[in-house]
Amino acid sequence: MIRLKHSDILGRKIRKDDWNDIGASTWSLVEEAILEDDEKQALELLDYLYEEGKAFHDFTSDMWAGCVTYVGSNFGEEEVESIWRYIVSDTVLGSEATRGDTLERIYVGAELWRGHYMKDGEFNLVEEEDRYVLTLDPCPTGGRMLITGRLEAPYNLAKTSKPYPWSWNRAGIPWYCTHCTICRCIMAIESSGYPVRVHEYPEDLSGRCRLIYYKHPESIPDKYFAEIGMSKHTSKAGA
């Protein structure tokens, strides 16, 4: 029997099923409820499915942030760039960076952010004359860490003590967040001459990051290269 009951430990409903049901995937239970025309059960399970997935999502991103905090704290802050380069060295060559035009990259990027379980937030996409601007409100990973106090005790996830090219030449940037500029900006420029997208990290540390996709790479302003210690190489830019 499927039972959704409150958990004092987690502060939300969890599945407290019979032992023979507890291993069944929640998604399969949603499908069963739909097929049985049990709308109430299906909707309740869909809400729970979000909470179930979000818990794992948040734990995973916090775990990565903890690993990077350990490396930087024990081997030097400069190693933060090294570990992120190692972790994302394959993803910078993935489909989003190397295939399709700007619009296709936006659709792929939207898939990524929807997959970050943003029921408790959203992103907004607007087209401007020379670019598309995707605003995270808030970012469901690094932004969530900032908003929920993960950089404070008892979590103590680390942030930059001084400016680095890979932290937008700013101090006080969570080490976790720097993978965005390292992977999608610095490493992409090294590979192809231009960033996959420009990341604007909010001055007020609100978690409302802006991801900017320029319609033509050669029109990306020089300032976005300079703030990460790089120069523009339009000769390498594709259409």
Protein backbone atom coordinates (compact mmCIF):
# COMPACT_ATOMS: atom_id res chain seq x y z
CA MET A 1 0.00 0.00 0.00
CA ILE A 2 1.29 3.48 -0.93
CA ARG A 3 1.24 5.98 1.95
CA LEU A 4 2.53 9.56 1.87
CA LYS A 5 3.14 10.63 5.45
CA HIS A 6 4.92 13.57 7.07
CA SER A 7 8.54 13.07 8.12
CA ASP A 8 9.76 15.03 11.13
CA ILE A 9 13.35 14.55 9.92
CA LEU A 10 12.82 16.03 6.45
CA GLY A 11 9.91 18.32 7.28
CA ARG A 12 7.81 17.08 4.35
CA LYS A 13 5.83 14.09 3.19
CA ILE A 14 7.72 10.95 2.29
CA ARG A 15 6.62 7.49 1.22
CA LYS A 16 5.98 5.19 4.18
CA ASP A 17 4.70 2.29 2.12
CA ASP A 18 4.31 -1.37 2.89
CA TRP A 19 7.67 -3.13 2.53
CA ASN A 20 6.60 -4.88 -0.68
CA ASP A 21 5.78 -1.51 -2.30
CA ILE A 22 8.51 0.77 -0.99
CA GLY A 23 10.98 -0.13 -3.73
CA ALA A 24 8.63 0.72 -6.61
CA SER A 25 9.64 3.84 -8.52
CA THR A 26 7.39 6.83 -7.92
CA TRP A 27 7.13 7.37 -11.66
CA SER A 28 5.64 3.90 -12.14
CA LEU A 29 3.11 4.69 -9.41
CA VAL A 30 2.13 7.89 -11.23
CA GLU A 31 1.56 5.90 -14.41
CA GLU A 32 -0.56 3.36 -12.54
CA ALA A 33 -2.70 6.08 -10.98
CA ILE A 34 -3.29 7.68 -14.38
CA LEU A 35 -4.25 4.37 -15.97
CA GLU A 36 -6.65 3.73 -13.07
CA ASP A 37 -8.19 7.22 -13.50
CA ASP A 38 -7.19 8.12 -9.95
CA GLU A 39 -6.55 11.83 -10.59
CA LYS A 40 -6.10 12.76 -6.93
CA GLN A 41 -3.48 10.07 -6.35
CA ALA A 42 -1.66 10.92 -9.58
CA LEU A 43 -1.43 14.63 -8.72
CA GLU A 44 -0.31 13.90 -5.17
CA LEU A 45 2.37 11.54 -6.42
CA LEU A 46 3.54 14.08 -9.03
CA ASP A 47 4.05 16.67 -6.29
CA TYR A 48 5.93 14.09 -4.26
CA LEU A 49 8.00 13.05 -7.28
CA TYR A 50 9.28 16.61 -7.50
CA GLU A 51 10.25 16.66 -3.82
CA GLU A 52 11.89 13.25 -4.15
CA GLY A 53 13.95 14.33 -7.15
CA LYS A 54 14.79 17.75 -5.75
CA ALA A 55 16.17 16.21 -2.56
CA PHE A 56 18.59 14.09 -4.58
CA HIS A 57 19.43 16.99 -6.92
CA ASP A 58 20.24 19.36 -4.05
CA PHE A 59 22.27 16.73 -2.22
CA THR A 60 24.31 16.02 -5.36
CA SER A 61 25.15 19.66 -6.08
CA ASP A 62 25.97 20.28 -2.40
CA MET A 63 28.21 17.21 -2.46
CA TRP A 64 30.13 18.59 -5.45
CA ALA A 65 30.46 21.91 -3.67
CA GLY A 66 31.75 20.09 -0.59
CA CYS A 67 34.33 18.19 -2.65
CA VAL A 68 35.60 21.40 -4.23
CA THR A 69 35.67 23.09 -0.81
CA TYR A 70 37.81 20.23 0.52
CA VAL A 71 40.28 20.45 -2.37
CA GLY A 72 40.62 24.23 -2.22
CA SER A 73 40.87 24.33 1.57
CA ASN A 74 43.51 21.62 1.81
CA PHE A 75 45.55 22.10 -1.35
CA GLY A 76 45.15 25.81 -2.05
CA GLU A 77 42.46 28.00 -3.55
CA GLU A 78 44.26 28.01 -6.90
CA GLU A 79 43.42 24.29 -7.20
CA VAL A 80 39.72 25.10 -7.52
CA GLU A 81 40.24 25.91 -11.20
CA SER A 82 42.20 22.68 -11.68
CA ILE A 83 39.56 20.43 -10.19
CA TRP A 84 36.75 22.03 -12.19
CA ARG A 85 38.80 21.74 -15.38
CA TYR A 86 39.27 18.06 -14.65
CA ILE A 87 35.59 17.50 -13.87
CA VAL A 88 34.20 19.38 -16.90
CA SER A 89 36.90 18.59 -19.46
CA ASP A 90 34.51 16.32 -21.36
CA THR A 91 31.38 18.44 -21.05
CA VAL A 92 32.98 21.44 -22.73
CA LEU A 93 33.20 19.29 -25.86
CA GLY A 94 29.59 18.13 -25.52
CA SER A 95 26.66 18.81 -27.79
CA GLU A 96 25.80 22.21 -26.35
CA ALA A 97 29.27 23.60 -27.04
CA THR A 98 30.05 22.09 -30.42
CA ARG A 99 26.80 21.44 -32.28
CA GLY A 100 23.97 23.50 -33.62
CA ASP A 101 23.38 27.20 -33.97
CA THR A 102 22.59 29.67 -31.21
CA LEU A 103 18.91 28.74 -31.04
CA GLU A 104 19.69 25.06 -30.73
CA ARG A 105 22.10 25.78 -27.87
CA ILE A 106 19.36 27.76 -26.12
CA TYR A 107 16.91 24.87 -26.38
CA VAL A 108 19.57 22.50 -25.04
CA GLY A 109 20.36 24.94 -22.23
CA ALA A 110 16.66 25.21 -21.35
CA GLU A 111 16.53 21.42 -21.07
CA LEU A 112 19.38 21.58 -18.57
CA TRP A 113 17.76 24.23 -16.38
CA ARG A 114 14.31 22.66 -16.40
CA GLY A 115 16.02 19.48 -15.31
CA HIS A 116 17.29 21.31 -12.23
CA TYR A 117 13.85 20.89 -10.61
CA MET A 118 12.91 24.55 -10.70
CA LYS A 119 9.38 24.25 -9.34
CA ASP A 120 10.41 26.63 -6.55
CA GLY A 121 11.88 29.08 -9.06
CA GLU A 122 11.84 29.74 -12.75
CA PHE A 123 13.82 31.08 -15.65
CA ASN A 124 12.78 33.73 -18.09
CA LEU A 125 13.97 33.99 -21.69
CA VAL A 126 13.71 37.17 -23.75
CA GLU A 127 15.01 38.02 -27.22
CA GLU A 128 16.86 41.27 -27.75
CA GLU A 129 18.24 42.74 -30.96
CA ASP A 130 21.56 40.93 -30.90
CA ARG A 131 21.14 38.32 -28.19
CA TYR A 132 18.90 36.11 -26.07
CA VAL A 133 18.94 36.58 -22.30
CA LEU A 134 18.00 33.73 -19.97
CA THR A 135 17.57 34.85 -16.35
CA LEU A 136 17.54 32.32 -13.52
CA ASP A 137 15.30 33.41 -10.65
CA PRO A 138 17.10 32.07 -8.75
CA CYS A 139 19.79 29.69 -9.97
CA PRO A 140 18.71 26.32 -8.49
CA THR A 141 22.27 25.23 -7.67
CA GLY A 142 24.79 27.90 -6.65
CA GLY A 143 22.05 30.48 -6.20
CA ARG A 144 20.16 28.12 -3.91
CA MET A 145 23.34 27.60 -1.87
CA LEU A 146 23.67 31.35 -1.37
CA ILE A 147 20.03 31.89 -0.47
CA THR A 148 19.82 28.96 1.95
CA GLY A 149 23.01 29.89 3.82
CA ARG A 150 25.20 27.04 2.60
CA LEU A 151 28.23 29.35 2.70
CA GLU A 152 27.72 29.84 6.44
CA ALA A 153 28.03 27.48 9.41
CA PRO A 154 27.49 24.61 9.73
CA TYR A 155 27.94 23.98 5.98
CA ASN A 156 30.79 26.43 5.33
CA LEU A 157 30.99 25.97 1.58
CA ALA A 158 33.88 28.14 0.44
CA LYS A 159 34.10 31.28 -1.68
CA THR A 160 37.00 33.10 -3.33
CA SER A 161 39.21 35.08 -0.97
CA LYS A 162 40.46 37.29 -3.80
CA PRO A 163 39.73 37.92 -7.49
CA TYR A 164 40.64 35.30 -10.09
CA PRO A 165 39.98 35.23 -13.83
CA TRP A 166 37.85 32.13 -13.22
CA SER A 167 35.72 33.99 -10.64
CA TRP A 168 34.89 36.89 -12.95
CA ASN A 169 37.83 38.71 -11.29
CA ARG A 170 35.76 39.04 -8.12
CA ALA A 171 36.26 37.99 -4.53
CA GLY A 172 33.45 36.39 -2.55
CA ILE A 173 32.23 34.12 -5.36
CA PRO A 174 31.25 30.60 -4.22
CA TRP A 175 33.80 28.11 -5.48
CA TYR A 176 30.93 25.97 -6.74
CA CYS A 177 29.67 28.75 -9.03
CA THR A 178 33.03 29.17 -10.75
CA HIS A 179 32.52 26.03 -12.82
CA CYS A 180 30.14 28.09 -14.99
CA THR A 181 32.80 30.54 -16.10
CA ILE A 182 35.54 27.88 -16.27
CA CYS A 183 33.56 25.45 -18.43
CA ARG A 184 31.19 27.51 -20.56
CA CYS A 185 33.41 30.58 -20.88
CA ILE A 186 37.16 30.06 -20.36
CA MET A 187 37.49 26.52 -21.68
CA ALA A 188 35.09 27.20 -24.54
CA ILE A 189 37.11 30.26 -25.58
CA GLU A 190 40.30 28.20 -25.45
CA SER A 191 38.65 25.60 -27.66
CA SER A 192 36.69 27.66 -30.18
CA GLY A 193 37.51 31.32 -29.58
CA TYR A 194 34.23 32.33 -27.95
CA PRO A 195 32.10 31.33 -24.96
CA VAL A 196 29.14 29.00 -25.33
CA ARG A 197 27.22 31.70 -23.50
CA VAL A 198 28.12 34.70 -21.39
CA HIS A 199 27.49 34.38 -17.66
CA GLU A 200 26.59 37.52 -15.76
CA TYR A 201 27.02 36.82 -12.06
CA PRO A 202 24.77 39.16 -9.99
CA GLU A 203 26.54 41.90 -8.07
CA ASP A 204 24.10 41.54 -5.17
CA LEU A 205 24.70 37.77 -4.82
CA SER A 206 20.95 37.26 -5.19
CA GLY A 207 21.33 34.06 -7.19
CA ARG A 208 19.63 35.68 -10.21
CA CYS A 209 22.27 34.80 -12.79
CA ARG A 210 21.88 35.86 -16.43
CA LEU A 211 22.97 33.58 -19.26
CA ILE A 212 23.42 35.51 -22.49
CA TYR A 213 23.49 33.87 -25.91
CA TYR A 214 24.70 36.21 -28.63
CA LYS A 215 23.26 35.63 -32.08
CA HIS A 216 26.70 36.16 -33.63
CA PRO A 217 29.80 35.33 -31.55
CA GLU A 218 31.81 38.16 -33.07
CA SER A 219 29.37 40.65 -31.53
CA ILE A 220 30.11 39.56 -27.95
CA PRO A 221 31.50 42.67 -26.21
CA ASP A 222 35.17 42.70 -25.30
CA LYS A 223 34.33 43.29 -21.63
CA TYR A 224 33.07 39.74 -21.23
CA PHE A 225 36.43 38.41 -22.36
CA ALA A 226 38.42 40.88 -20.27
CA GLU A 227 36.60 40.09 -17.02
CA ILE A 228 37.84 36.50 -17.21
CA GLY A 229 41.37 37.47 -18.24
CA MET A 230 41.04 36.59 -21.89
CA SER A 231 40.95 38.36 -25.24
CA LYS A 232 38.62 38.06 -28.18
CA HIS A 233 39.54 35.69 -31.01
CA THR A 234 36.87 36.32 -33.60
CA SER A 235 38.92 34.48 -36.24
CA LYS A 236 37.94 31.26 -34.51
CA ALA A 237 34.29 32.13 -34.09
CA GLY A 238 31.71 30.17 -36.04
CA ALA A 239 28.38 31.36 -37.33
